[in-house]
Amino acid sequence: MSELERERREIAAALQHPGVGPDPKLRITRRTFVHRSCLTGAATVAQTFGWWPLINTIDIAYAADQPFKFAWVSDTHLYPESVNTRFVEKTKRAAQEVQAMNPPADFLIFGGDLAQLGRANELALGVQLLSEVKVRKVFIPGEHDWYYDMGKEWMRLFDKPNWTFDHKGVRFVGLDTVTRAPDYWSARKMSPEERMDYMADLDGSVAGPWAGVGRDQLDWLSKTLANWDKSRPIVIFSHNPLYEYYPPWNFWVRDWRDVNEVLKPYNNVTNIHGHVHQVLYNEIGKMRSIGMLATSWPWPYAPEGVPKLTVPMIRADPGDFYDGVGWSQLSMNNDRIETEYIMWGRKQVFATDISGPDSSLSQPEILRPRMADRLYPY
């Protein structure tokens, strides 16, 4: 019998008689008593609720106190091995290093752009390479995975592009930010290859602001979180950042304000995202955003500068294929997610001189309308 199960049985036995509380020798965390039903005192709680809300809170608090780690790998941008071996080798390396985590990761999140051109053989290659990782794997799509066949092969392999699960007192949500591009291809009679070429460009001026969540998914997110205590941790995985980082490169989500409205009532929200291929950090309200490395290549920082809370990463050496790229180990400790960037090519990740051009261009996050918001309703 596990220690948690033993404690549950002891608590249940102690509560057999009306008005009797748990044995004070039981290991009950401080957060147990934050539950609103406990604020009026033990006697009132026992009379009104029969202690059962307290039992639920004990289970939750105990679970949230268990530290754990998981891994993030993203933006592998795989071509067939006959075309590009560098990206394949980097993906293999990431998979081997995740599998070697000690203690093992509880699970692996893949953050999108498994393929480069969305072909079935590229996606299949990614599945094969990541089979090295024996822990649970969960996937969200990137635009490179989707717009060749409009997600047909991706969904066959990985099912729905959005999902949720609870793990050790944390609610995890995979949010689909890539599948709702305004249809610019039909009127132009583009082939799947042409459509994918436009989506693969860093400059998003032709494809438009393709990154969006959509009203249906906003409603789904609201319902998904409705039964979750507002003080408990929530981690949102998305391919794109959930704020307005740099729209000309589609480094944003066009309805990000609406996403933040849904998340505003919750006190402990972390968004972990890929797509930008760089170290990035931001906070809006109570939501923290953490940008992740790619295994394939590093993108430059946006010309307008990084968010004000970002400490930029060291500029990558273009002559070193392994510089500026990698994956991440993430830890849940004390209800807060912390990331450790596993950057290949150099030991130091962050730039020590923060007086350079990246930080001098940093600016506060301002809610301001964009023309794209009016041109592309969602």
Protein backbone atom coordinates (compact mmCIF):
# COMPACT_ATOMS: atom_id res chain seq x y z
CA MET A 1 0.00 0.00 0.00
CA SER A 2 1.39 3.42 -0.93
CA GLU A 3 1.99 6.10 1.68
CA LEU A 4 -0.70 8.29 0.14
CA GLU A 5 -3.24 5.46 0.22
CA ARG A 6 -2.35 4.72 3.86
CA GLU A 7 -2.92 8.35 4.81
CA ARG A 8 -6.23 8.41 2.98
CA ARG A 9 -7.40 5.37 4.92
CA GLU A 10 -6.32 6.90 8.21
CA ILE A 11 -8.16 10.11 7.41
CA ALA A 12 -11.29 8.22 6.41
CA ALA A 13 -11.18 6.22 9.65
CA ALA A 14 -10.72 9.38 11.70
CA LEU A 15 -13.78 10.96 10.08
CA GLN A 16 -16.20 8.14 10.79
CA HIS A 17 -17.66 10.02 13.75
CA PRO A 18 -19.46 13.39 13.39
CA GLY A 19 -17.46 16.38 14.55
CA VAL A 20 -14.15 14.52 14.74
CA GLY A 21 -11.28 15.88 12.63
CA PRO A 22 -8.14 14.25 11.27
CA ASP A 23 -5.39 13.17 13.60
CA PRO A 24 -3.02 16.18 13.91
CA LYS A 25 -0.05 13.85 13.43
CA LEU A 26 -1.06 13.28 9.79
CA ARG A 27 1.05 15.13 7.23
CA ILE A 28 -1.32 17.85 6.07
CA THR A 29 0.23 20.64 4.06
CA ARG A 30 -0.29 24.33 4.74
CA ARG A 31 -2.21 24.66 1.47
CA THR A 32 -4.80 22.24 2.84
CA PHE A 33 -6.14 25.01 5.06
CA VAL A 34 -6.35 27.60 2.30
CA HIS A 35 -9.47 25.87 0.99
CA ARG A 36 -12.33 28.35 1.37
CA SER A 37 -14.52 25.84 3.19
CA CYS A 38 -11.99 25.76 6.03
CA LEU A 39 -11.85 29.52 6.62
CA THR A 40 -14.83 29.59 9.00
CA GLY A 41 -13.29 27.07 11.42
CA ALA A 42 -13.20 23.33 11.84
CA ALA A 43 -16.45 23.01 13.79
CA THR A 44 -18.47 24.88 11.16
CA VAL A 45 -16.89 22.85 8.40
CA ALA A 46 -17.65 19.58 10.14
CA GLN A 47 -21.26 20.55 10.67
CA THR A 48 -21.89 21.97 7.22
CA PHE A 49 -19.72 19.90 4.90
CA GLY A 50 -19.04 16.74 6.88
CA TRP A 51 -15.28 17.24 6.22
CA TRP A 52 -15.52 15.85 2.67
CA PRO A 53 -14.29 19.02 0.91
CA LEU A 54 -11.30 18.92 3.26
CA ILE A 55 -10.51 15.34 2.26
CA ASN A 56 -10.53 16.36 -1.41
CA THR A 57 -8.25 19.29 -0.65
CA ILE A 58 -5.83 17.06 1.25
CA ASP A 59 -5.55 14.76 -1.75
CA ILE A 60 -4.97 17.72 -4.09
CA ALA A 61 -2.46 19.44 -1.83
CA TYR A 62 -0.49 16.26 -1.31
CA ALA A 63 -0.36 15.69 -5.06
CA ALA A 64 0.69 19.25 -5.80
CA ASP A 65 3.54 18.91 -3.31
CA GLN A 66 5.15 16.09 -5.29
CA PRO A 67 7.89 17.58 -7.47
CA PHE A 68 8.20 16.11 -10.93
CA LYS A 69 9.90 16.74 -14.24
CA PHE A 70 8.87 16.52 -17.83
CA ALA A 71 10.57 17.24 -21.13
CA TRP A 72 9.84 19.49 -24.10
CA VAL A 73 11.14 18.91 -27.62
CA SER A 74 9.95 21.09 -30.48
CA ASP A 75 10.50 22.41 -33.98
CA THR A 76 12.56 19.57 -35.42
CA HIS A 77 11.51 20.53 -39.00
CA LEU A 78 12.42 17.15 -40.38
CA TYR A 79 13.15 16.51 -44.03
CA PRO A 80 13.69 12.95 -45.26
CA GLU A 81 17.11 11.71 -44.18
CA SER A 82 18.24 11.65 -47.82
CA VAL A 83 17.70 15.44 -47.99
CA ASN A 84 18.95 16.67 -44.60
CA THR A 85 20.79 14.56 -42.03
CA ARG A 86 21.61 17.41 -39.63
CA PHE A 87 18.04 17.85 -38.42
CA VAL A 88 17.66 14.09 -38.10
CA GLU A 89 20.81 13.79 -36.00
CA LYS A 90 19.67 16.60 -33.71
CA THR A 91 16.29 14.95 -33.18
CA LYS A 92 18.02 11.66 -32.37
CA ARG A 93 20.23 13.44 -29.87
CA ALA A 94 17.27 15.12 -28.16
CA ALA A 95 15.38 11.81 -27.94
CA GLN A 96 18.38 10.04 -26.43
CA GLU A 97 18.94 12.78 -23.87
CA VAL A 98 15.27 12.83 -22.82
CA GLN A 99 15.32 9.06 -22.42
CA ALA A 100 18.46 9.35 -20.28
CA MET A 101 16.88 11.77 -17.77
CA ASN A 102 17.41 10.48 -14.24
CA PRO A 103 14.95 10.28 -12.65
CA PRO A 104 12.96 9.71 -15.84
CA ALA A 105 10.67 12.41 -17.18
CA ASP A 106 7.02 11.86 -16.31
CA PHE A 107 6.14 12.65 -19.92
CA LEU A 108 7.34 14.39 -23.09
CA ILE A 109 5.51 17.22 -24.85
CA PHE A 110 6.30 17.75 -28.51
CA GLY A 111 5.58 21.38 -29.31
CA GLY A 112 4.88 21.30 -33.06
CA ASP A 113 6.65 21.46 -36.42
CA LEU A 114 7.76 17.86 -36.40
CA ALA A 115 7.95 18.03 -40.22
CA GLN A 116 9.26 20.76 -42.50
CA LEU A 117 6.98 20.36 -45.52
CA GLY A 118 4.16 18.41 -43.93
CA ARG A 119 4.74 15.23 -45.93
CA ALA A 120 3.68 11.87 -44.52
CA ASN A 121 7.22 10.51 -44.74
CA GLU A 122 8.56 13.42 -42.67
CA LEU A 123 5.94 12.90 -39.95
CA ALA A 124 6.59 9.16 -39.96
CA LEU A 125 10.31 9.83 -39.58
CA GLY A 126 9.60 11.98 -36.54
CA VAL A 127 7.52 9.24 -34.93
CA GLN A 128 10.33 6.77 -35.60
CA LEU A 129 13.04 8.99 -34.11
CA LEU A 130 11.01 9.85 -31.01
CA SER A 131 10.24 6.17 -30.39
CA GLU A 132 13.57 6.21 -28.53
CA VAL A 133 11.66 7.99 -25.74
CA LYS A 134 9.73 5.36 -23.74
CA VAL A 135 7.72 7.72 -21.50
CA ARG A 136 4.31 9.07 -22.43
CA LYS A 137 4.44 11.42 -25.45
CA VAL A 138 1.84 14.08 -26.24
CA PHE A 139 1.84 16.21 -29.41
CA ILE A 140 0.50 19.57 -30.54
CA PRO A 141 0.72 20.58 -34.22
CA GLY A 142 2.78 23.26 -35.91
CA GLU A 143 1.93 24.94 -39.18
CA HIS A 144 4.60 22.90 -40.97
CA ASP A 145 2.81 19.72 -39.90
CA TRP A 146 -0.60 20.84 -41.11
CA TYR A 147 -0.91 22.80 -44.33
CA TYR A 148 0.25 20.32 -46.93
CA ASP A 149 -2.78 18.04 -46.44
CA MET A 150 -4.71 20.21 -43.93
CA GLY A 151 -3.73 17.99 -41.04
CA LYS A 152 -4.99 14.69 -42.40
CA GLU A 153 -1.83 12.71 -41.69
CA TRP A 154 -1.08 14.51 -38.42
CA MET A 155 -4.51 13.65 -37.02
CA ARG A 156 -4.17 10.06 -38.17
CA LEU A 157 -0.96 9.78 -36.19
CA PHE A 158 -1.76 11.90 -33.13
CA ASP A 159 -5.54 12.38 -32.97
CA LYS A 160 -6.97 15.73 -31.80
CA PRO A 161 -4.81 18.88 -31.94
CA ASN A 162 -6.10 20.07 -28.54
CA TRP A 163 -6.37 18.06 -25.35
CA THR A 164 -6.14 18.19 -21.56
CA PHE A 165 -4.99 15.97 -18.71
CA ASP A 166 -4.28 16.30 -14.99
CA HIS A 167 -1.02 15.19 -13.46
CA LYS A 168 0.05 15.41 -9.80
CA GLY A 169 -2.17 18.37 -9.00
CA VAL A 170 -1.54 20.31 -12.24
CA ARG A 171 -3.94 20.73 -15.15
CA PHE A 172 -2.15 20.54 -18.50
CA VAL A 173 -3.81 21.87 -21.65
CA GLY A 174 -2.63 21.49 -25.24
CA LEU A 175 -3.95 24.41 -27.27
CA ASP A 176 -4.18 24.35 -31.07
CA THR A 177 -2.92 27.68 -32.46
CA VAL A 178 -2.14 26.72 -36.06
CA THR A 179 -5.08 25.14 -37.87
CA ARG A 180 -7.29 28.19 -38.37
CA ALA A 181 -5.55 30.20 -41.08
CA PRO A 182 -7.86 32.34 -43.23
CA ASP A 183 -8.27 30.58 -46.59
CA TYR A 184 -5.93 32.47 -48.91
CA TRP A 185 -5.23 29.45 -51.13
CA SER A 186 -8.54 28.46 -52.70
CA ALA A 187 -9.15 31.65 -54.67
CA ARG A 188 -5.58 31.48 -55.99
CA LYS A 189 -6.00 27.79 -56.84
CA MET A 190 -2.82 26.91 -55.04
CA SER A 191 -1.52 23.38 -54.97
CA PRO A 192 -0.76 21.78 -51.58
CA GLU A 193 2.94 22.38 -52.27
CA GLU A 194 2.37 26.08 -52.95
CA ARG A 195 0.23 26.48 -49.85
CA MET A 196 2.86 24.81 -47.70
CA ASP A 197 5.60 27.00 -49.17
CA TYR A 198 3.74 30.13 -48.08
CA MET A 199 3.14 28.75 -44.60
CA ALA A 200 6.82 27.85 -44.25
CA ASP A 201 7.97 31.47 -44.69
CA LEU A 202 9.07 33.45 -41.65
CA ASP A 203 7.45 36.54 -43.17
CA GLY A 204 3.73 36.04 -42.71
CA SER A 205 2.53 38.85 -44.96
CA VAL A 206 1.24 36.53 -47.71
CA ALA A 207 -0.40 33.84 -45.59
CA GLY A 208 -1.82 36.44 -43.21
CA PRO A 209 -2.05 36.09 -39.44
CA TRP A 210 -2.65 32.35 -39.59
CA ALA A 211 -2.12 31.71 -35.88
CA GLY A 212 -5.41 31.76 -33.98
CA VAL A 213 -7.39 29.87 -31.35
CA GLY A 214 -10.95 30.46 -32.56
CA ARG A 215 -14.22 30.95 -30.72
CA ASP A 216 -15.00 27.24 -30.53
CA GLN A 217 -11.69 26.49 -28.84
CA LEU A 218 -12.01 29.48 -26.51
CA ASP A 219 -15.32 28.00 -25.35
CA TRP A 220 -13.66 24.60 -25.00
CA LEU A 221 -10.83 26.11 -22.93
CA SER A 222 -13.31 27.89 -20.68
CA LYS A 223 -15.23 24.65 -20.07
CA THR A 224 -12.00 22.69 -19.57
CA LEU A 225 -10.95 25.01 -16.74
CA ALA A 226 -14.40 25.64 -15.24
CA ASN A 227 -14.08 22.96 -12.54
CA TRP A 228 -10.47 23.78 -11.68
CA ASP A 229 -9.63 25.65 -8.48
CA LYS A 230 -8.41 29.11 -9.45
CA SER A 231 -5.34 28.93 -7.21
CA ARG A 232 -4.08 25.60 -8.56
CA PRO A 233 -1.44 25.40 -11.30
CA ILE A 234 -2.39 25.40 -14.98
CA VAL A 235 0.12 24.83 -17.79
CA ILE A 236 -0.93 25.72 -21.34
CA PHE A 237 1.13 24.27 -24.20
CA SER A 238 0.89 26.06 -27.54
CA HIS A 239 2.97 26.25 -30.67
CA ASN A 240 2.78 30.05 -30.87
CA PRO A 241 3.23 32.56 -28.05
CA LEU A 242 -0.07 33.66 -26.55
CA TYR A 243 0.71 37.35 -26.76
CA GLU A 244 1.67 39.92 -29.36
CA TYR A 245 5.38 39.34 -29.71
CA TYR A 246 6.02 40.12 -33.39
CA PRO A 247 3.00 39.81 -35.75
CA PRO A 248 4.92 40.33 -39.06
CA TRP A 249 6.65 36.99 -38.42
CA ASN A 250 3.48 35.37 -37.05
CA PHE A 251 5.15 35.33 -33.65
CA TRP A 252 1.75 35.77 -31.99
CA VAL A 253 -1.84 34.51 -31.86
CA ARG A 254 -4.33 36.93 -33.40
CA ASP A 255 -7.01 36.37 -30.71
CA TRP A 256 -4.54 36.25 -27.84
CA ARG A 257 -6.48 38.91 -25.91
CA ASP A 258 -9.48 36.58 -25.77
CA VAL A 259 -7.28 33.71 -24.56
CA ASN A 260 -5.99 35.93 -21.78
CA GLU A 261 -9.55 36.88 -20.83
CA VAL A 262 -10.39 33.20 -20.33
CA LEU A 263 -7.25 32.71 -18.22
CA LYS A 264 -7.51 35.94 -16.23
CA PRO A 265 -9.42 34.48 -13.22
CA TYR A 266 -6.71 31.86 -12.60
CA ASN A 267 -3.78 32.76 -10.36
CA ASN A 268 -1.10 30.34 -11.53
CA VAL A 269 -0.91 29.97 -15.32
CA THR A 270 2.19 29.17 -17.36
CA ASN A 271 2.25 29.09 -21.16
CA ILE A 272 5.04 27.04 -22.71
CA HIS A 273 5.42 27.56 -26.44
CA GLY A 274 7.66 26.76 -29.37
CA HIS A 275 7.73 28.31 -32.88
CA VAL A 276 10.09 31.20 -32.05
CA HIS A 277 13.22 28.98 -31.82
CA GLN A 278 14.70 31.11 -29.04
CA VAL A 279 14.87 31.81 -25.32
CA LEU A 280 11.95 34.10 -24.51
CA TYR A 281 10.06 35.14 -21.36
CA ASN A 282 7.08 37.37 -20.74
CA GLU A 283 4.32 38.02 -18.24
CA ILE A 284 0.87 39.44 -18.88
CA GLY A 285 -1.32 39.65 -15.80
CA LYS A 286 -0.97 36.36 -13.95
CA MET A 287 0.21 34.34 -16.94
CA ARG A 288 3.89 33.60 -17.48
CA SER A 289 5.07 32.72 -20.99
CA ILE A 290 8.22 30.70 -21.65
CA GLY A 291 9.61 30.40 -25.18
CA MET A 292 11.55 27.29 -26.08
CA LEU A 293 14.50 26.30 -28.21
CA ALA A 294 14.19 24.35 -31.44
CA THR A 295 16.36 21.37 -32.28
CA SER A 296 16.68 22.57 -35.91
CA TRP A 297 17.95 26.17 -35.99
CA PRO A 298 17.68 29.42 -33.96
CA TRP A 299 15.60 32.33 -35.23
CA PRO A 300 16.80 35.89 -34.62
CA TYR A 301 15.06 38.05 -32.08
CA ALA A 302 12.35 40.34 -33.41
CA PRO A 303 13.56 43.71 -34.78
CA GLU A 304 11.29 45.56 -32.35
CA GLY A 305 13.08 43.94 -29.42
CA VAL A 306 12.28 41.28 -26.87
CA PRO A 307 9.65 41.50 -24.11
CA LYS A 308 10.86 43.56 -21.18
CA LEU A 309 11.34 40.56 -18.86
CA THR A 310 13.39 38.52 -21.33
CA VAL A 311 17.09 38.02 -20.74
CA PRO A 312 18.24 37.29 -24.31
CA MET A 313 20.19 34.19 -25.16
CA ILE A 314 23.70 34.45 -26.51
CA ARG A 315 23.80 34.96 -30.24
CA ALA A 316 24.33 31.67 -32.01
CA ASP A 317 27.48 30.96 -33.99
CA PRO A 318 26.28 30.36 -37.58
CA GLY A 319 29.29 28.15 -38.18
CA ASP A 320 28.24 25.70 -35.47
CA PHE A 321 25.19 23.59 -36.41
CA TYR A 322 24.61 22.71 -32.75
CA ASP A 323 24.77 26.24 -31.37
CA GLY A 324 21.60 28.01 -30.28
CA VAL A 325 19.43 24.88 -30.43
CA GLY A 326 18.34 22.14 -28.05
CA TRP A 327 15.44 21.09 -25.83
CA SER A 328 14.23 21.66 -22.27
CA GLN A 329 13.74 19.93 -18.94
CA LEU A 330 10.91 21.43 -16.93
CA SER A 331 10.37 21.01 -13.20
CA MET A 332 7.29 21.54 -11.08
CA ASN A 333 8.40 22.71 -7.65
CA ASN A 334 6.25 24.61 -5.17
CA ASP A 335 3.46 24.98 -7.73
CA ARG A 336 5.74 26.80 -10.17
CA ILE A 337 7.19 25.61 -13.46
CA GLU A 338 10.89 26.22 -14.00
CA THR A 339 12.73 25.42 -17.21
CA GLU A 340 16.29 24.32 -17.77
CA TYR A 341 17.38 24.94 -21.34
CA ILE A 342 19.54 22.15 -22.70
CA MET A 343 21.36 24.21 -25.31
CA TRP A 344 23.90 22.44 -27.45
CA GLY A 345 27.09 24.15 -28.54
CA ARG A 346 27.79 26.19 -25.42
CA LYS A 347 27.37 25.89 -21.67
CA GLN A 348 26.11 29.41 -21.05
CA VAL A 349 22.63 30.13 -22.38
CA PHE A 350 21.92 33.73 -21.41
CA ALA A 351 23.73 36.86 -22.53
CA THR A 352 25.56 38.38 -19.58
CA ASP A 353 25.73 41.85 -21.16
CA ILE A 354 22.11 43.01 -21.14
CA SER A 355 22.98 46.52 -22.32
CA GLY A 356 23.11 45.41 -25.95
CA PRO A 357 20.59 46.10 -28.70
CA ASP A 358 18.12 43.38 -27.71
CA SER A 359 17.45 44.76 -24.25
CA SER A 360 17.58 48.42 -25.31
CA LEU A 361 14.77 47.71 -27.77
CA SER A 362 12.62 46.03 -25.13
CA GLN A 363 9.25 47.63 -24.59
CA PRO A 364 6.28 47.21 -22.28
CA GLU A 365 3.43 45.03 -23.50
CA ILE A 366 0.65 47.35 -24.67
CA LEU A 367 -2.82 46.32 -25.75
CA ARG A 368 -3.12 47.95 -29.14
CA PRO A 369 -5.30 47.15 -32.15
CA ARG A 370 -3.75 45.68 -35.26
CA MET A 371 -5.12 46.00 -38.75
CA ALA A 372 -4.95 42.21 -39.00
CA ASP A 373 -7.49 41.93 -36.17
CA ARG A 374 -10.04 43.65 -38.38
CA LEU A 375 -9.05 42.04 -41.67
CA TYR A 376 -9.14 38.44 -40.43
CA PRO A 377 -12.06 37.82 -38.05
CA TYR A 378 -11.94 34.45 -36.36
